[in-house]
């Protein structure tokens, strides 16, 4: 059985983030995701459901199990903190983070 989802590649000035989404129950819950920073460390749902926080130099990623969302906080080059909660479909609202995103958006994929 294949699950359709969104594979998102966001390239920021300080870290590269790959989020794999495997939606369950109509996409209301995230069952898998991975975050890979430029330092080579990879974080995923298997080891982040309790820790719920991943930090890069300009990015903080929080997994929120109660709402099934990932909150990504980005500090822009001008020092202003930007925050956006993304649902499990990871349809990126790039306009809110356009000053930091240099590559990517979302591509449909079969996981």
N, C-alpha and C. Protein backbone atom coordinates (compact mmCIF):
# COMPACT_ATOMS: atom_id res chain seq x y z
N UNK A 1 0.83 -1.18 0.00
CA UNK A 1 0.00 0.00 0.00
C UNK A 1 0.87 1.24 0.00
N UNK A 2 0.62 2.14 -0.93
CA UNK A 2 1.39 3.37 -1.03
C UNK A 2 0.58 4.51 -0.46
N UNK A 3 1.27 5.40 0.20
CA UNK A 3 0.61 6.57 0.78
C UNK A 3 1.11 7.80 0.05
N UNK A 4 0.21 8.56 -0.52
CA UNK A 4 0.61 9.79 -1.19
C UNK A 4 0.84 10.86 -0.15
N UNK A 5 1.88 11.62 -0.35
CA UNK A 5 2.19 12.69 0.58
C UNK A 5 2.97 13.78 -0.11
N UNK A 6 3.53 14.65 0.68
CA UNK A 6 4.31 15.76 0.17
C UNK A 6 5.75 15.60 0.64
N UNK A 7 6.67 15.72 -0.28
CA UNK A 7 8.08 15.78 0.09
C UNK A 7 8.51 17.22 -0.11
N UNK A 8 9.03 17.82 0.93
CA UNK A 8 9.34 19.23 0.90
C UNK A 8 10.83 19.43 1.10
N UNK A 9 11.39 20.27 0.28
CA UNK A 9 12.81 20.59 0.41
C UNK A 9 12.91 22.10 0.56
N UNK A 10 13.34 22.54 1.74
CA UNK A 10 13.50 23.96 2.00
C UNK A 10 14.98 24.22 2.20
N UNK A 11 15.54 25.10 1.42
CA UNK A 11 16.95 25.43 1.59
C UNK A 11 17.06 26.83 2.17
N UNK A 12 17.61 26.91 3.36
CA UNK A 12 17.82 28.20 4.00
C UNK A 12 19.31 28.51 4.01
N UNK A 13 19.63 29.70 4.45
CA UNK A 13 21.03 30.11 4.43
C UNK A 13 21.89 29.27 5.36
N UNK A 14 21.30 28.70 6.40
CA UNK A 14 22.12 28.00 7.38
C UNK A 14 21.80 26.52 7.51
N UNK A 15 20.70 26.05 6.98
CA UNK A 15 20.40 24.64 7.14
C UNK A 15 19.52 24.14 6.02
N UNK A 16 19.62 22.87 5.74
CA UNK A 16 18.79 22.24 4.73
C UNK A 16 17.82 21.32 5.44
N UNK A 17 16.54 21.47 5.17
CA UNK A 17 15.52 20.73 5.88
C UNK A 17 14.74 19.88 4.89
N UNK A 18 14.67 18.59 5.16
CA UNK A 18 13.86 17.69 4.36
C UNK A 18 12.77 17.13 5.26
N UNK A 19 11.53 17.33 4.87
CA UNK A 19 10.42 16.83 5.66
C UNK A 19 9.65 15.81 4.83
N UNK A 20 9.56 14.58 5.34
CA UNK A 20 8.75 13.57 4.68
C UNK A 20 7.47 13.41 5.47
N UNK A 21 6.36 13.51 4.80
CA UNK A 21 5.08 13.43 5.49
C UNK A 21 4.36 12.16 5.06
N UNK A 22 3.96 11.35 6.02
CA UNK A 22 3.12 10.19 5.77
C UNK A 22 1.82 10.40 6.52
N UNK A 23 0.81 10.97 5.87
CA UNK A 23 -0.42 11.29 6.59
C UNK A 23 -1.24 10.05 6.91
N UNK A 24 -1.88 10.08 8.06
CA UNK A 24 -2.81 9.04 8.45
C UNK A 24 -4.15 9.69 8.74
N UNK A 25 -5.19 8.93 8.63
CA UNK A 25 -6.54 9.45 8.94
C UNK A 25 -6.83 10.72 8.17
N UNK A 26 -6.61 10.66 6.86
CA UNK A 26 -6.92 11.83 6.05
C UNK A 26 -5.93 12.96 6.19
N UNK A 27 -4.73 12.65 6.61
CA UNK A 27 -3.72 13.68 6.71
C UNK A 27 -3.79 14.52 7.97
N UNK A 28 -4.53 14.06 8.97
CA UNK A 28 -4.67 14.83 10.19
C UNK A 28 -3.53 14.59 11.17
N UNK A 29 -2.72 13.59 10.89
CA UNK A 29 -1.67 13.23 11.83
C UNK A 29 -0.38 12.95 11.06
N UNK A 30 0.72 13.38 11.60
CA UNK A 30 2.01 13.09 10.99
C UNK A 30 2.55 11.82 11.63
N UNK A 31 2.83 10.83 10.80
CA UNK A 31 3.39 9.60 11.35
C UNK A 31 4.90 9.53 11.14
N UNK A 32 5.41 10.24 10.14
CA UNK A 32 6.84 10.22 9.90
C UNK A 32 7.29 11.58 9.41
N UNK A 33 8.42 12.00 9.91
CA UNK A 33 9.09 13.13 9.29
C UNK A 33 10.57 13.05 9.64
N UNK A 34 11.39 13.66 8.82
CA UNK A 34 12.82 13.70 9.09
C UNK A 34 13.31 15.11 8.82
N UNK A 35 14.27 15.52 9.60
CA UNK A 35 14.87 16.83 9.44
C UNK A 35 16.37 16.63 9.36
N UNK A 36 16.97 17.11 8.29
CA UNK A 36 18.42 16.99 8.14
C UNK A 36 19.02 18.39 8.07
N UNK A 37 19.91 18.69 9.01
CA UNK A 37 20.56 19.99 9.02
C UNK A 37 21.89 19.92 8.29
N UNK A 38 22.46 21.07 7.97
CA UNK A 38 23.73 21.10 7.26
C UNK A 38 24.84 20.42 8.04
N UNK A 39 24.72 20.35 9.36
CA UNK A 39 25.77 19.71 10.14
C UNK A 39 25.75 18.19 10.00
N UNK A 40 24.81 17.68 9.20
CA UNK A 40 24.78 16.25 8.91
C UNK A 40 23.92 15.45 9.86
N UNK A 41 23.46 16.05 10.94
CA UNK A 41 22.62 15.31 11.88
C UNK A 41 21.20 15.21 11.32
N UNK A 42 20.59 14.06 11.51
CA UNK A 42 19.23 13.83 11.05
C UNK A 42 18.34 13.57 12.24
N UNK A 43 17.20 14.23 12.27
CA UNK A 43 16.24 14.04 13.34
C UNK A 43 14.94 13.56 12.71
N UNK A 44 14.24 12.64 13.39
CA UNK A 44 13.01 12.13 12.84
C UNK A 44 11.94 11.96 13.88
N UNK A 45 10.76 11.58 13.41
CA UNK A 45 9.63 11.41 14.33
C UNK A 45 9.92 10.34 15.37
N UNK A 46 10.76 9.36 15.02
CA UNK A 46 11.01 8.28 15.97
C UNK A 46 11.75 8.75 17.21
N UNK A 47 12.58 9.78 17.07
CA UNK A 47 13.32 10.24 18.24
C UNK A 47 12.95 11.65 18.67
N UNK A 48 11.92 12.22 18.06
CA UNK A 48 11.57 13.60 18.40
C UNK A 48 10.18 13.75 19.01
N UNK A 49 9.40 12.68 19.12
CA UNK A 49 8.05 12.84 19.66
C UNK A 49 8.07 13.29 21.11
N UNK A 50 9.11 12.95 21.84
CA UNK A 50 9.20 13.39 23.23
C UNK A 50 10.05 14.65 23.37
N UNK A 51 11.13 14.71 22.60
CA UNK A 51 12.04 15.85 22.71
C UNK A 51 11.42 17.10 22.08
N UNK A 52 10.71 16.92 20.99
CA UNK A 52 9.91 17.91 20.27
C UNK A 52 10.64 19.19 19.89
N UNK A 53 11.94 19.20 19.84
CA UNK A 53 12.61 20.43 19.42
C UNK A 53 13.92 20.11 18.71
N UNK A 54 14.12 20.74 17.57
CA UNK A 54 15.36 20.64 16.83
C UNK A 54 15.80 22.06 16.53
N UNK A 55 17.05 22.36 16.80
CA UNK A 55 17.52 23.73 16.60
C UNK A 55 18.66 23.78 15.58
N UNK A 56 18.53 24.71 14.64
CA UNK A 56 19.62 25.08 13.76
C UNK A 56 19.99 26.52 14.09
N UNK A 57 20.99 27.03 13.43
CA UNK A 57 21.41 28.39 13.76
C UNK A 57 20.28 29.39 13.55
N UNK A 58 19.51 29.23 12.49
CA UNK A 58 18.44 30.16 12.20
C UNK A 58 17.07 29.50 12.22
N UNK A 59 16.98 28.31 12.77
CA UNK A 59 15.70 27.60 12.67
C UNK A 59 15.46 26.76 13.91
N UNK A 60 14.23 26.76 14.37
CA UNK A 60 13.80 25.86 15.43
C UNK A 60 12.60 25.09 14.91
N UNK A 61 12.63 23.77 15.07
CA UNK A 61 11.54 22.92 14.60
C UNK A 61 10.95 22.20 15.80
N UNK A 62 9.66 22.34 16.00
CA UNK A 62 8.97 21.71 17.12
C UNK A 62 7.86 20.80 16.61
N UNK A 63 7.88 19.57 17.05
CA UNK A 63 6.80 18.62 16.73
C UNK A 63 5.75 18.73 17.81
N UNK A 64 4.51 18.94 17.42
CA UNK A 64 3.41 19.12 18.37
C UNK A 64 2.43 17.96 18.19
N UNK A 65 2.61 16.87 18.96
CA UNK A 65 1.77 15.69 18.76
C UNK A 65 0.29 15.95 18.97
N UNK A 66 -0.06 16.82 19.89
CA UNK A 66 -1.48 17.02 20.20
C UNK A 66 -2.25 17.61 19.03
N UNK A 67 -1.59 18.41 18.21
CA UNK A 67 -2.27 19.02 17.08
C UNK A 67 -1.86 18.41 15.75
N UNK A 68 -0.85 17.53 15.77
CA UNK A 68 -0.41 16.92 14.52
C UNK A 68 0.25 17.91 13.58
N UNK A 69 0.93 18.91 14.13
CA UNK A 69 1.59 19.89 13.28
C UNK A 69 3.05 19.99 13.64
N UNK A 70 3.81 20.54 12.72
CA UNK A 70 5.20 20.89 12.97
C UNK A 70 5.29 22.41 12.93
N UNK A 71 5.78 22.98 13.99
CA UNK A 71 5.96 24.43 14.05
C UNK A 71 7.40 24.74 13.70
N UNK A 72 7.59 25.55 12.69
CA UNK A 72 8.93 25.90 12.24
C UNK A 72 9.13 27.40 12.44
N UNK A 73 10.07 27.74 13.30
CA UNK A 73 10.39 29.12 13.57
C UNK A 73 11.69 29.47 12.87
N UNK A 74 11.65 30.50 12.05
CA UNK A 74 12.82 30.90 11.29
C UNK A 74 13.20 32.32 11.70
N UNK A 75 14.47 32.54 11.97
CA UNK A 75 14.94 33.88 12.24
C UNK A 75 15.52 34.45 10.95
N UNK A 76 14.90 35.51 10.49
CA UNK A 76 15.29 36.10 9.21
C UNK A 76 16.63 36.82 9.33
N UNK A 77 17.19 37.15 8.18
CA UNK A 77 18.49 37.83 8.17
C UNK A 77 18.42 39.18 8.86
N UNK A 78 17.24 39.80 8.86
CA UNK A 78 17.10 41.09 9.52
C UNK A 78 16.87 40.94 11.02
N UNK A 79 16.92 39.71 11.53
CA UNK A 79 16.80 39.48 12.95
C UNK A 79 15.38 39.33 13.44
N UNK A 80 14.40 39.49 12.57
CA UNK A 80 13.00 39.37 12.97
C UNK A 80 12.61 37.90 12.98
N UNK A 81 12.01 37.45 14.07
CA UNK A 81 11.58 36.06 14.14
C UNK A 81 10.29 35.85 13.38
N UNK A 82 10.25 34.84 12.52
CA UNK A 82 9.05 34.50 11.78
C UNK A 82 8.60 33.11 12.20
N UNK A 83 7.33 32.91 12.35
CA UNK A 83 6.83 31.60 12.78
C UNK A 83 5.62 31.23 11.94
N UNK A 84 5.52 29.97 11.61
CA UNK A 84 4.35 29.47 10.89
C UNK A 84 4.15 28.01 11.25
N UNK A 85 2.93 27.65 11.61
CA UNK A 85 2.61 26.25 11.88
C UNK A 85 2.10 25.64 10.59
N UNK A 86 2.71 24.54 10.19
CA UNK A 86 2.33 23.87 8.95
C UNK A 86 1.60 22.59 9.26
N UNK A 87 0.54 22.34 8.54
CA UNK A 87 -0.22 21.11 8.75
C UNK A 87 0.53 19.93 8.15
N UNK A 88 -0.02 18.74 8.33
CA UNK A 88 0.68 17.54 7.90
C UNK A 88 0.79 17.44 6.38
N UNK A 89 0.08 18.27 5.63
CA UNK A 89 0.23 18.25 4.17
C UNK A 89 1.42 19.07 3.72
N UNK A 90 1.98 19.88 4.60
CA UNK A 90 3.17 20.67 4.30
C UNK A 90 3.03 21.48 3.03
N UNK A 91 1.87 22.12 2.85
CA UNK A 91 1.76 23.09 1.78
C UNK A 91 2.43 24.35 2.28
N UNK A 92 3.59 24.65 1.76
CA UNK A 92 4.39 25.73 2.29
C UNK A 92 3.78 27.08 1.94
N UNK A 93 3.76 27.95 2.91
CA UNK A 93 3.35 29.32 2.68
C UNK A 93 4.62 30.14 2.50
N UNK A 94 5.19 30.03 1.31
CA UNK A 94 6.52 30.56 1.10
C UNK A 94 6.55 32.08 1.20
N UNK A 95 5.43 32.74 0.97
CA UNK A 95 5.44 34.19 1.00
C UNK A 95 5.81 34.71 2.40
N UNK A 96 5.47 33.95 3.44
CA UNK A 96 5.78 34.40 4.80
C UNK A 96 7.27 34.27 5.11
N UNK A 97 7.96 33.41 4.37
CA UNK A 97 9.36 33.16 4.66
C UNK A 97 10.24 33.45 3.44
N UNK A 98 9.73 34.27 2.54
CA UNK A 98 10.42 34.44 1.26
C UNK A 98 11.81 35.04 1.42
N UNK A 99 12.04 35.77 2.51
CA UNK A 99 13.36 36.37 2.67
C UNK A 99 14.41 35.32 3.02
N UNK A 100 13.98 34.12 3.44
CA UNK A 100 14.93 33.09 3.83
C UNK A 100 14.99 31.91 2.87
N UNK A 101 13.89 31.62 2.21
CA UNK A 101 13.86 30.46 1.33
C UNK A 101 14.57 30.81 0.02
N UNK A 102 15.58 30.05 -0.32
CA UNK A 102 16.31 30.30 -1.56
C UNK A 102 16.03 29.22 -2.61
N UNK A 103 15.41 28.15 -2.18
CA UNK A 103 15.15 27.07 -3.12
C UNK A 103 14.01 26.22 -2.58
N UNK A 104 13.23 25.66 -3.50
CA UNK A 104 12.26 24.66 -3.08
C UNK A 104 10.85 25.19 -3.03
N UNK A 105 9.97 24.35 -2.79
CA UNK A 105 8.59 24.48 -2.41
C UNK A 105 8.16 23.04 -2.18
N UNK A 106 7.03 22.64 -2.66
CA UNK A 106 6.59 21.28 -2.39
C UNK A 106 6.45 20.52 -3.70
N UNK A 107 6.69 19.24 -3.65
CA UNK A 107 6.51 18.38 -4.82
C UNK A 107 5.70 17.17 -4.40
N UNK A 108 4.71 16.81 -5.20
CA UNK A 108 3.91 15.63 -4.88
C UNK A 108 4.79 14.39 -5.00
N UNK A 109 4.54 13.45 -4.13
CA UNK A 109 5.35 12.24 -4.14
C UNK A 109 4.54 11.08 -3.59
N UNK A 110 4.94 9.88 -3.93
CA UNK A 110 4.36 8.68 -3.34
C UNK A 110 5.38 8.11 -2.38
N UNK A 111 4.99 8.02 -1.13
CA UNK A 111 5.93 7.56 -0.10
C UNK A 111 5.83 6.06 0.08
